[in-house]
Amino acid sequence: MPYFDAASATPLHPVARQALLAALDEGWADPARLHREGRRARLLLDAAREAAAEAVGCRPDELVFTPSGTRALHDGMAGALAGRRRVGRHLVVSAVEHSAVLHSADVLKAAGGEVTEVAVGRTGRVDPGTYAAALRPDTALAVLQSANHEVGTEQPVAEVAEACRAAGVPLLVDAAQSLGWGPVEGPWSLLAASAHKWGGPSGVGLLAVRKGTRYAPQGPVDEREGGRAPGFPDLPAVVAAAASLRAVRAEAAAEAARLRALVDRIRDRVPALVPDVEVTGDPAHRLPHVVTFSCLYVDGEALLHALDREGFSVSSGSSCTSSTLTPSHVLKAMGVLSEGNVRVSLPRGTAEQDVEDFLGVLPRVVAEVRAHMEAPAAEPVEERTEEPEAGELVVDSLGKRCPIPVIELAKVIGNVPVGGLVTVLSDDEAARLDIPAWCDMRGQEYVGEAPAERGTAYRVRRRA
């Protein structure tokens, strides 16, 4: 069964498995102890740190291992903000950062700090000039991901890092999605990553803090990892993480070229095979193995379950696949269609035939989901033979979730004359993205939204 969710977690690399098994025998002792077993464990830990630091592009004494990538982000942000508390309590992040970053930002706001979220364009990429303009004299820290976890868009980290250096602001880079493909360029100050994203074991993150960066570890003082990551390290997992990072880097150039060609095939053929699909993410500045698209008139959860029954494991950023009833903050920031969202992220070694099989199954699966939801045909809207309704047509979709409000809009748009208005009442947060996206895809005019007695009123003018 093809596994296409490598952006969430990748299968354990063979080198990681070998290193893990060897370290279980040799690295079980406390590396802080002076006896023979402790010294052997310390040698393994030091070798792992050197290998990881070489891949990151920092000194070994600047890097520590953490229990997860999330913990690395939380600790990195908290330590950097505390280290520069005399400068100010202003934080700059992009609007598409991982939730771990945004949660830390919420903690700062709750404590009286300020957070500026830098907007992105429809491809999910920040403008370096806009990001630089958000920096202030009281900015304590800036955070920017190297590549987005939902749509694969790569960020201009080097340019932003130069702007941060010129402003005297440290930049923390979330490199979880990209570190297995190559180092992060530019004069960044802190970097966080997670081993299970590149083929290492879960439960290992890394945090690099370059010399000269003011940093104050938070929480009780611990003598391990320079006080930056308390507790006894999972040494076998750390060794496996470092070994697999070195191994995937050795394969990265060739495998990136191969997977990029497969992703290009998906990006090109999905819109041709499936009507009313929006491919998201930057077409050029992107990870080699990730492609995301959204299907109009499709329930995301139903689509993912249907693909799983066909043997394909994919993921989604759509609100329809979570219990929050809100759209993905990434898709929301990009202003793109959220319904029927599918993220395909290919692990290393993905076979060409697996991609062809996926492309062969997808059109039928999408059509079946649409038919089940009684979605309208994909053809352009045609004038009805009956007399169109006068005045403004109101569609009550209150209490109905993605993608029902858009389906009901599509079914009635032909009932108004060209130039006439349709108002959709909806209390589904995803409608704020999906109705304008539908208008753009179907050549209709999105007039705007206004508060209603219940929910929100979305107004659409028929253009054709």
Protein backbone atom coordinates (compact mmCIF):
# COMPACT_ATOMS: atom_id res chain seq x y z
CA MET A 1 0.00 0.00 0.00
CA PRO A 2 1.64 3.30 -1.08
CA TYR A 3 2.32 5.65 1.82
CA PHE A 4 2.13 9.27 0.66
CA ASP A 5 2.33 11.15 3.99
CA ALA A 6 6.07 11.69 4.40
CA ALA A 7 5.55 15.31 5.49
CA SER A 8 3.98 13.95 8.68
CA ALA A 9 6.46 11.16 9.32
CA THR A 10 8.75 9.13 7.11
CA PRO A 11 9.48 5.41 7.34
CA LEU A 12 12.58 4.58 9.34
CA HIS A 13 15.64 4.75 7.11
CA PRO A 14 17.62 1.46 6.93
CA VAL A 15 20.69 3.23 8.30
CA ALA A 16 18.65 4.50 11.24
CA ARG A 17 17.46 0.99 11.99
CA GLN A 18 21.00 -0.39 11.93
CA ALA A 19 22.35 2.42 14.10
CA LEU A 20 19.47 2.09 16.54
CA LEU A 21 20.03 -1.63 17.05
CA ALA A 22 23.78 -1.17 17.49
CA ALA A 23 23.33 1.69 19.95
CA LEU A 24 20.88 -0.33 22.02
CA ASP A 25 23.75 -2.65 22.80
CA GLU A 26 26.48 -0.03 23.19
CA GLY A 27 24.71 3.15 24.26
CA TRP A 28 22.48 2.20 27.16
CA ALA A 29 24.64 3.73 29.91
CA ASP A 30 24.58 7.28 31.28
CA PRO A 31 26.95 9.40 29.15
CA ALA A 32 27.53 11.71 32.12
CA ARG A 33 29.26 8.95 34.11
CA LEU A 34 33.03 8.32 34.18
CA HIS A 35 33.02 4.51 34.13
CA ARG A 36 33.76 2.50 31.00
CA GLU A 37 30.14 2.08 29.95
CA GLY A 38 29.47 5.78 30.51
CA ARG A 39 32.53 6.78 28.47
CA ARG A 40 31.40 4.53 25.63
CA ALA A 41 27.96 6.13 25.68
CA ARG A 42 29.58 9.58 25.76
CA LEU A 43 31.61 8.79 22.65
CA LEU A 44 28.45 7.78 20.83
CA LEU A 45 26.66 10.97 21.91
CA ASP A 46 29.58 13.18 20.87
CA ALA A 47 29.84 11.45 17.48
CA ALA A 48 26.11 11.90 16.92
CA ARG A 49 26.33 15.57 17.84
CA GLU A 50 29.24 16.14 15.46
CA ALA A 51 27.42 14.43 12.59
CA ALA A 52 24.23 16.40 13.19
CA ALA A 53 26.10 19.69 13.54
CA GLU A 54 27.90 19.09 10.26
CA ALA A 55 24.55 18.56 8.52
CA VAL A 56 23.03 21.65 10.16
CA GLY A 57 26.04 23.85 9.50
CA CYS A 58 26.93 24.79 13.06
CA ARG A 59 29.50 23.90 15.71
CA PRO A 60 28.91 20.74 17.78
CA ASP A 61 28.78 22.76 21.00
CA GLU A 62 25.99 24.88 19.50
CA LEU A 63 23.63 21.91 19.05
CA VAL A 64 21.58 19.96 21.59
CA PHE A 65 19.15 17.08 21.20
CA THR A 66 15.59 17.48 22.48
CA PRO A 67 12.69 15.03 23.01
CA SER A 68 10.91 16.31 19.85
CA GLY A 69 10.91 18.97 17.17
CA THR A 70 8.00 20.66 18.93
CA ARG A 71 10.00 20.83 22.13
CA ALA A 72 12.94 22.29 20.21
CA LEU A 73 10.70 25.06 18.86
CA HIS A 74 9.10 25.78 22.23
CA ASP A 75 12.43 25.83 24.07
CA GLY A 76 14.18 27.76 21.33
CA MET A 77 11.54 30.49 21.28
CA ALA A 78 11.23 30.72 25.05
CA GLY A 79 15.00 30.86 25.56
CA ALA A 80 15.61 33.46 22.86
CA LEU A 81 12.73 35.66 24.03
CA ALA A 82 13.95 35.48 27.62
CA GLY A 83 17.52 36.19 26.59
CA ARG A 84 16.44 39.42 24.89
CA ARG A 85 13.75 40.54 27.31
CA ARG A 86 15.58 43.84 27.89
CA VAL A 87 15.27 44.63 24.16
CA GLY A 88 11.51 44.12 24.14
CA ARG A 89 8.70 41.60 23.95
CA HIS A 90 7.84 41.78 20.27
CA LEU A 91 7.85 38.61 18.17
CA VAL A 92 7.61 38.35 14.37
CA VAL A 93 6.36 35.16 12.69
CA SER A 94 4.86 34.32 9.32
CA ALA A 95 1.15 33.55 9.12
CA VAL A 96 1.86 29.99 7.94
CA GLU A 97 4.17 28.78 10.70
CA HIS A 98 3.65 25.39 12.31
CA SER A 99 1.12 25.36 15.14
CA ALA A 100 3.96 24.77 17.62
CA VAL A 101 5.31 28.22 16.78
CA LEU A 102 1.90 29.87 16.88
CA HIS A 103 1.12 28.26 20.24
CA SER A 104 4.33 29.74 21.67
CA ALA A 105 3.32 33.08 20.19
CA ASP A 106 -0.02 32.80 22.00
CA VAL A 107 1.83 32.25 25.27
CA LEU A 108 3.80 35.46 24.70
CA LYS A 109 0.63 37.43 23.92
CA ALA A 110 -1.07 36.07 27.03
CA ALA A 111 1.88 37.35 29.06
CA GLY A 112 1.57 40.85 27.61
CA GLY A 113 3.92 40.59 24.64
CA GLU A 114 3.19 41.55 21.04
CA VAL A 115 3.17 39.32 17.97
CA THR A 116 3.21 40.40 14.32
CA GLU A 117 2.12 37.81 11.76
CA VAL A 118 3.57 38.53 8.33
CA ALA A 119 1.09 37.76 5.57
CA VAL A 120 1.85 35.47 2.64
CA GLY A 121 0.66 35.44 -0.96
CA ARG A 122 -1.51 32.78 -2.60
CA THR A 123 1.54 30.54 -3.02
CA GLY A 124 2.25 30.61 0.72
CA ARG A 125 5.52 32.50 0.39
CA VAL A 126 6.43 35.61 2.38
CA ASP A 127 7.90 38.68 0.75
CA PRO A 128 11.34 39.39 2.28
CA GLY A 129 10.74 43.13 2.18
CA THR A 130 7.42 42.80 3.96
CA TYR A 131 8.99 40.57 6.58
CA ALA A 132 11.86 43.04 7.11
CA ALA A 133 9.37 45.88 7.50
CA ALA A 134 7.76 44.05 10.43
CA LEU A 135 11.00 44.19 12.46
CA ARG A 136 11.08 46.88 15.14
CA PRO A 137 13.62 48.21 17.66
CA ASP A 138 11.82 46.20 20.37
CA THR A 139 11.68 42.96 18.35
CA ALA A 140 13.20 40.23 20.49
CA LEU A 141 12.91 37.36 18.01
CA ALA A 142 11.83 36.50 14.47
CA VAL A 143 10.71 33.03 13.36
CA LEU A 144 10.42 31.66 9.83
CA GLN A 145 10.01 28.10 8.59
CA SER A 146 12.35 26.95 5.85
CA ALA A 147 9.49 25.19 4.04
CA ASN A 148 5.80 24.84 4.73
CA HIS A 149 4.50 21.60 6.19
CA GLU A 150 1.15 21.68 4.35
CA VAL A 151 1.88 22.94 0.84
CA GLY A 152 5.65 22.53 0.52
CA THR A 153 6.42 26.18 -0.29
CA GLU A 154 10.02 27.13 0.48
CA GLN A 155 10.56 30.46 2.21
CA PRO A 156 13.25 33.05 1.37
CA VAL A 157 15.14 32.30 4.56
CA ALA A 158 18.52 33.62 3.41
CA GLU A 159 17.10 37.03 2.48
CA VAL A 160 15.07 37.27 5.69
CA ALA A 161 18.08 36.21 7.76
CA GLU A 162 20.16 38.99 6.21
CA ALA A 163 17.44 41.50 7.03
CA CYS A 164 17.28 40.22 10.60
CA ARG A 165 21.04 40.46 10.99
CA ALA A 166 21.00 44.03 9.70
CA ALA A 167 18.28 44.85 12.25
CA GLY A 168 20.09 43.05 15.08
CA VAL A 169 17.26 40.55 15.54
CA PRO A 170 17.94 36.80 15.93
CA LEU A 171 16.10 34.54 13.48
CA LEU A 172 14.88 31.09 14.51
CA VAL A 173 14.35 28.76 11.55
CA ASP A 174 11.95 25.83 11.73
CA ALA A 175 13.77 23.44 9.40
CA ALA A 176 11.73 20.33 10.18
CA GLN A 177 10.54 19.79 6.60
CA SER A 178 13.73 20.70 4.76
CA LEU A 179 16.76 19.66 6.79
CA GLY A 180 16.88 16.18 5.27
CA TRP A 181 17.19 17.76 1.82
CA GLY A 182 19.98 20.21 2.58
CA PRO A 183 21.34 22.86 4.96
CA VAL A 184 19.55 26.12 5.64
CA GLU A 185 21.40 29.02 4.04
CA GLY A 186 21.86 32.47 5.54
CA PRO A 187 22.97 33.94 8.87
CA TRP A 188 20.24 32.41 11.03
CA SER A 189 20.68 32.42 14.81
CA LEU A 190 18.63 29.41 15.95
CA LEU A 191 17.38 26.31 14.15
CA ALA A 192 15.00 23.52 15.13
CA ALA A 193 14.24 20.21 13.43
CA SER A 194 12.69 16.79 14.03
CA ALA A 195 14.24 13.41 13.20
CA HIS A 196 11.07 11.59 12.16
CA LYS A 197 10.73 14.01 9.24
CA TRP A 198 13.92 12.74 7.56
CA GLY A 199 13.78 9.03 8.36
CA GLY A 200 15.07 8.99 11.90
CA PRO A 201 13.15 7.68 14.91
CA SER A 202 10.39 9.67 16.55
CA GLY A 203 11.14 11.31 19.88
CA VAL A 204 14.31 13.13 18.77
CA GLY A 205 14.53 16.80 17.92
CA LEU A 206 17.47 19.12 17.65
CA LEU A 207 18.02 22.74 18.57
CA ALA A 208 20.98 24.79 17.37
CA VAL A 209 21.82 28.11 19.01
CA ARG A 210 24.73 29.87 17.35
CA LYS A 211 27.39 31.55 19.46
CA GLY A 212 26.65 35.18 20.17
CA THR A 213 22.90 34.64 20.37
CA ARG A 214 21.52 35.80 23.70
CA TYR A 215 19.71 32.79 25.11
CA ALA A 216 18.34 32.05 28.57
CA PRO A 217 17.05 28.47 29.04
CA GLN A 218 13.71 28.39 30.83
CA GLY A 219 12.62 26.00 33.54
CA PRO A 220 14.64 24.29 36.26
CA VAL A 221 18.38 24.16 35.66
CA ASP A 222 19.71 20.80 34.47
CA GLU A 223 23.32 19.85 33.90
CA ARG A 224 22.63 17.89 30.70
CA GLU A 225 22.92 19.31 27.17
CA GLY A 226 24.31 22.58 28.49
CA GLY A 227 21.12 23.14 30.46
CA ARG A 228 19.10 23.49 27.26
CA ALA A 229 17.50 20.03 27.16
CA PRO A 230 17.00 18.51 30.59
CA GLY A 231 16.80 14.82 31.27
CA PHE A 232 18.55 11.60 30.30
CA PRO A 233 18.85 11.51 26.48
CA ASP A 234 17.43 8.63 24.45
CA LEU A 235 20.92 7.87 23.24
CA PRO A 236 20.10 5.00 20.83
CA ALA A 237 17.46 7.16 19.15
CA VAL A 238 19.84 10.14 19.02
CA VAL A 239 22.52 8.01 17.37
CA ALA A 240 20.00 6.67 14.86
CA ALA A 241 18.75 10.19 14.11
CA ALA A 242 22.22 11.52 13.39
CA ALA A 243 23.20 8.49 11.31
CA SER A 244 20.05 8.70 9.20
CA LEU A 245 20.48 12.45 8.67
CA ARG A 246 23.94 11.87 7.26
CA ALA A 247 22.62 9.03 5.09
CA VAL A 248 19.67 10.94 3.60
CA ARG A 249 21.90 13.92 2.88
CA ALA A 250 24.19 11.67 0.85
CA GLU A 251 21.19 10.58 -1.23
CA ALA A 252 19.42 13.94 -1.30
CA ALA A 253 20.47 15.35 -4.67
CA ALA A 254 19.58 12.30 -6.73
CA GLU A 255 16.41 11.48 -4.80
CA ALA A 256 15.20 15.09 -4.88
CA ALA A 257 15.49 15.16 -8.67
CA ARG A 258 13.61 11.87 -8.99
CA LEU A 259 10.79 12.82 -6.63
CA ARG A 260 10.48 16.32 -8.10
CA ALA A 261 9.76 14.74 -11.48
CA LEU A 262 7.02 12.59 -9.93
CA VAL A 263 5.52 15.59 -8.14
CA ASP A 264 5.60 17.58 -11.37
CA ARG A 265 3.61 14.77 -12.97
CA ILE A 266 0.97 15.01 -10.23
CA ARG A 267 0.84 18.81 -10.42
CA ASP A 268 0.35 18.71 -14.19
CA ARG A 269 -2.07 15.81 -14.51
CA VAL A 270 -4.44 16.18 -11.56
CA PRO A 271 -6.11 19.35 -12.94
CA ALA A 272 -6.46 17.63 -16.32
CA LEU A 273 -7.91 14.45 -14.83
CA VAL A 274 -10.20 15.95 -12.19
CA PRO A 275 -12.46 18.95 -12.93
CA ASP A 276 -12.52 21.91 -10.54
CA VAL A 277 -9.22 21.34 -8.77
CA GLU A 278 -6.88 24.01 -7.40
CA VAL A 279 -3.22 23.05 -6.99
CA THR A 280 -1.73 25.08 -4.15
CA GLY A 281 1.79 26.06 -3.13
CA ASP A 282 4.58 27.77 -5.01
CA PRO A 283 5.19 26.11 -8.40
CA ALA A 284 8.94 26.82 -8.31
CA HIS A 285 10.06 27.46 -4.72
CA ARG A 286 8.93 24.19 -3.16
CA LEU A 287 10.09 20.97 -1.57
CA PRO A 288 10.78 18.19 -4.06
CA HIS A 289 8.36 15.68 -2.57
CA VAL A 290 5.20 17.62 -1.62
CA VAL A 291 2.17 18.58 -3.69
CA THR A 292 -1.18 19.79 -2.36
CA PHE A 293 -4.46 20.29 -4.18
CA SER A 294 -8.07 21.03 -3.26
CA CYS A 295 -11.14 19.56 -4.96
CA LEU A 296 -14.30 21.61 -5.25
CA TYR A 297 -17.55 20.05 -3.95
CA VAL A 298 -15.68 17.38 -1.99
CA ASP A 299 -15.74 16.49 1.69
CA GLY A 300 -12.09 16.15 2.66
CA GLU A 301 -12.55 13.44 5.24
CA ALA A 302 -14.66 11.34 2.89
CA LEU A 303 -12.04 11.72 0.17
CA LEU A 304 -9.18 10.67 2.45
CA HIS A 305 -11.12 7.63 3.65
CA ALA A 306 -11.96 6.68 0.07
CA LEU A 307 -8.32 6.94 -0.99
CA ASP A 308 -7.30 4.90 2.05
CA ARG A 309 -9.71 2.14 0.99
CA GLU A 310 -7.97 2.17 -2.39
CA GLY A 311 -4.64 1.69 -0.64
CA PHE A 312 -3.26 5.26 -0.67
CA SER A 313 -2.30 6.99 2.59
CA VAL A 314 -2.47 10.76 2.15
CA SER A 315 -3.05 13.73 4.44
CA SER A 316 -4.98 17.00 4.41
CA GLY A 317 -5.03 20.50 5.80
CA SER A 318 -8.76 20.86 5.28
CA SER A 319 -11.10 21.70 8.14
CA CYS A 320 -13.19 18.73 7.05
CA THR A 321 -10.57 16.32 8.38
CA SER A 322 -10.34 17.75 11.88
CA SER A 323 -12.63 18.27 14.81
CA THR A 324 -11.97 22.01 15.03
CA LEU A 325 -14.53 23.02 12.36
CA THR A 326 -12.08 25.72 11.24
CA PRO A 327 -10.00 25.67 8.05
CA SER A 328 -6.27 25.12 8.09
CA HIS A 329 -4.57 28.33 9.16
CA VAL A 330 -2.10 27.83 6.30
CA LEU A 331 -4.79 27.60 3.61
CA LYS A 332 -6.64 30.47 5.26
CA ALA A 333 -3.55 32.70 5.18
CA MET A 334 -3.02 31.83 1.51
CA GLY A 335 -6.67 32.53 0.66
CA VAL A 336 -7.08 29.32 -1.33
CA LEU A 337 -9.78 26.68 -1.55
CA SER A 338 -9.85 24.53 1.58
CA GLU A 339 -12.50 21.92 0.80
CA GLY A 340 -11.42 18.52 -0.46
CA ASN A 341 -7.79 19.28 0.38
CA VAL A 342 -5.24 16.53 -0.27
CA ARG A 343 -1.54 16.64 0.58
CA VAL A 344 0.61 14.09 -1.22
CA SER A 345 4.12 13.87 0.24
CA LEU A 346 6.26 11.15 -1.27
CA PRO A 347 8.78 9.28 0.88
CA ARG A 348 12.19 8.40 -0.47
CA GLY A 349 12.04 5.39 -2.74
CA THR A 350 8.51 6.01 -4.01
CA ALA A 351 8.02 4.01 -7.20
CA GLU A 352 6.84 5.65 -10.41
CA GLN A 353 4.13 3.01 -10.74
CA ASP A 354 2.70 3.98 -7.35
CA VAL A 355 2.19 7.53 -8.61
CA GLU A 356 0.61 6.26 -11.82
CA ASP A 357 -1.74 4.06 -9.82
CA PHE A 358 -2.71 7.05 -7.67
CA LEU A 359 -3.46 9.15 -10.74
CA GLY A 360 -5.51 6.30 -12.14
CA VAL A 361 -7.66 5.98 -9.01
CA LEU A 362 -8.11 9.65 -8.09
CA PRO A 363 -10.64 10.75 -10.77
CA ARG A 364 -13.03 7.91 -9.96
CA VAL A 365 -12.74 8.42 -6.21
CA VAL A 366 -13.40 12.17 -6.45
CA ALA A 367 -16.37 11.56 -8.77
CA GLU A 368 -17.84 9.04 -6.32
CA VAL A 369 -17.51 11.43 -3.38
CA ARG A 370 -19.07 14.25 -5.38
CA ALA A 371 -21.93 12.02 -6.48
CA HIS A 372 -22.57 10.96 -2.89
CA MET A 373 -22.80 14.63 -1.90
CA GLU A 374 -25.09 15.39 -4.85
CA ALA A 375 -22.65 17.97 -6.14
CA PRO A 376 -23.47 19.83 -9.38
CA ALA A 377 -21.80 18.89 -12.64
CA ALA A 378 -18.47 20.50 -13.41
CA GLU A 379 -19.71 22.20 -16.60
CA PRO A 380 -20.08 26.01 -16.64
CA VAL A 381 -23.36 27.37 -15.28
CA GLU A 382 -26.05 27.63 -17.96
CA GLU A 383 -29.20 29.73 -17.99
CA ARG A 384 -32.22 27.75 -16.78
CA THR A 385 -35.17 27.31 -19.13
CA GLU A 386 -37.60 28.46 -16.46
CA GLU A 387 -38.08 32.11 -15.57
CA PRO A 388 -35.28 33.30 -13.25
CA GLU A 389 -36.22 34.50 -9.79
CA ALA A 390 -36.48 38.24 -9.28
CA GLY A 391 -34.57 40.08 -6.59
CA GLU A 392 -31.88 38.55 -4.43
CA LEU A 393 -31.87 34.81 -3.80
CA VAL A 394 -31.00 33.68 -0.26
CA VAL A 395 -29.47 30.26 0.42
CA ASP A 396 -29.76 29.16 4.05
CA SER A 397 -26.77 26.88 4.76
CA LEU A 398 -26.67 27.49 8.49
CA GLY A 399 -25.57 24.42 10.41
CA LYS A 400 -24.11 22.80 7.28
CA ARG A 401 -20.42 22.14 6.96
CA CYS A 402 -17.86 22.22 4.19
CA PRO A 403 -18.49 21.74 1.28
CA ILE A 404 -22.34 21.90 1.48
CA PRO A 405 -22.64 25.73 1.40
CA VAL A 406 -20.68 25.88 -1.86
CA ILE A 407 -22.64 22.99 -3.37
CA GLU A 408 -25.94 24.71 -2.55
CA LEU A 409 -24.63 27.98 -4.04
CA ALA A 410 -23.63 26.20 -7.25
CA LYS A 411 -27.05 24.58 -7.56
CA VAL A 412 -28.98 27.87 -7.43
CA ILE A 413 -26.72 30.32 -9.25
CA GLY A 414 -28.56 29.62 -12.48
CA ASN A 415 -31.84 30.69 -10.90
CA VAL A 416 -30.85 34.37 -10.94
CA PRO A 417 -30.34 36.54 -14.00
CA VAL A 418 -26.90 37.69 -15.05
CA GLY A 419 -26.07 40.56 -12.71
CA GLY A 420 -28.36 39.20 -10.01
CA LEU A 421 -27.24 38.45 -6.44
CA VAL A 422 -27.17 35.30 -4.33
CA THR A 423 -26.64 35.50 -0.57
CA VAL A 424 -25.38 32.42 1.22
CA LEU A 425 -25.95 32.27 4.98
CA SER A 426 -23.33 30.09 6.64
CA ASP A 427 -21.81 29.60 10.07
CA ASP A 428 -19.00 27.40 8.74
CA GLU A 429 -15.66 29.20 8.97
CA ALA A 430 -14.44 27.42 5.82
CA ALA A 431 -17.08 29.25 3.76
CA ARG A 432 -15.01 32.41 4.14
CA LEU A 433 -12.36 30.74 1.96
CA ASP A 434 -14.39 28.42 -0.20
CA ILE A 435 -17.08 30.77 -1.51
CA PRO A 436 -14.59 33.35 -2.89
CA ALA A 437 -12.48 30.47 -4.28
CA TRP A 438 -15.57 29.01 -6.00
CA CYS A 439 -16.34 32.41 -7.54
CA ASP A 440 -12.80 32.66 -8.88
CA MET A 441 -12.91 29.13 -10.31
CA ARG A 442 -16.36 29.51 -11.90
CA GLY A 443 -16.13 33.07 -13.21
CA GLN A 444 -18.59 34.61 -10.75
CA GLU A 445 -18.15 37.84 -8.75
CA TYR A 446 -17.63 37.64 -5.01
CA VAL A 447 -19.21 40.82 -3.65
CA GLY A 448 -18.24 40.39 0.00
CA GLU A 449 -19.50 39.35 3.40
CA ALA A 450 -21.49 40.92 6.20
CA PRO A 451 -22.60 39.82 9.68
CA ALA A 452 -25.98 38.15 9.80
CA GLU A 453 -28.39 37.43 12.65
CA ARG A 454 -26.81 33.97 12.65
CA GLY A 455 -23.51 33.27 10.99
CA THR A 456 -22.28 35.33 8.05
CA ALA A 457 -23.93 36.46 4.81
CA TYR A 458 -21.76 35.89 1.72
CA ARG A 459 -22.94 37.73 -1.42
CA VAL A 460 -22.21 36.55 -4.95
CA ARG A 461 -23.14 38.29 -8.21
CA ARG A 462 -23.76 36.14 -11.27
CA ARG A 463 -21.52 37.15 -14.15
CA ALA A 464 -22.14 34.37 -16.66
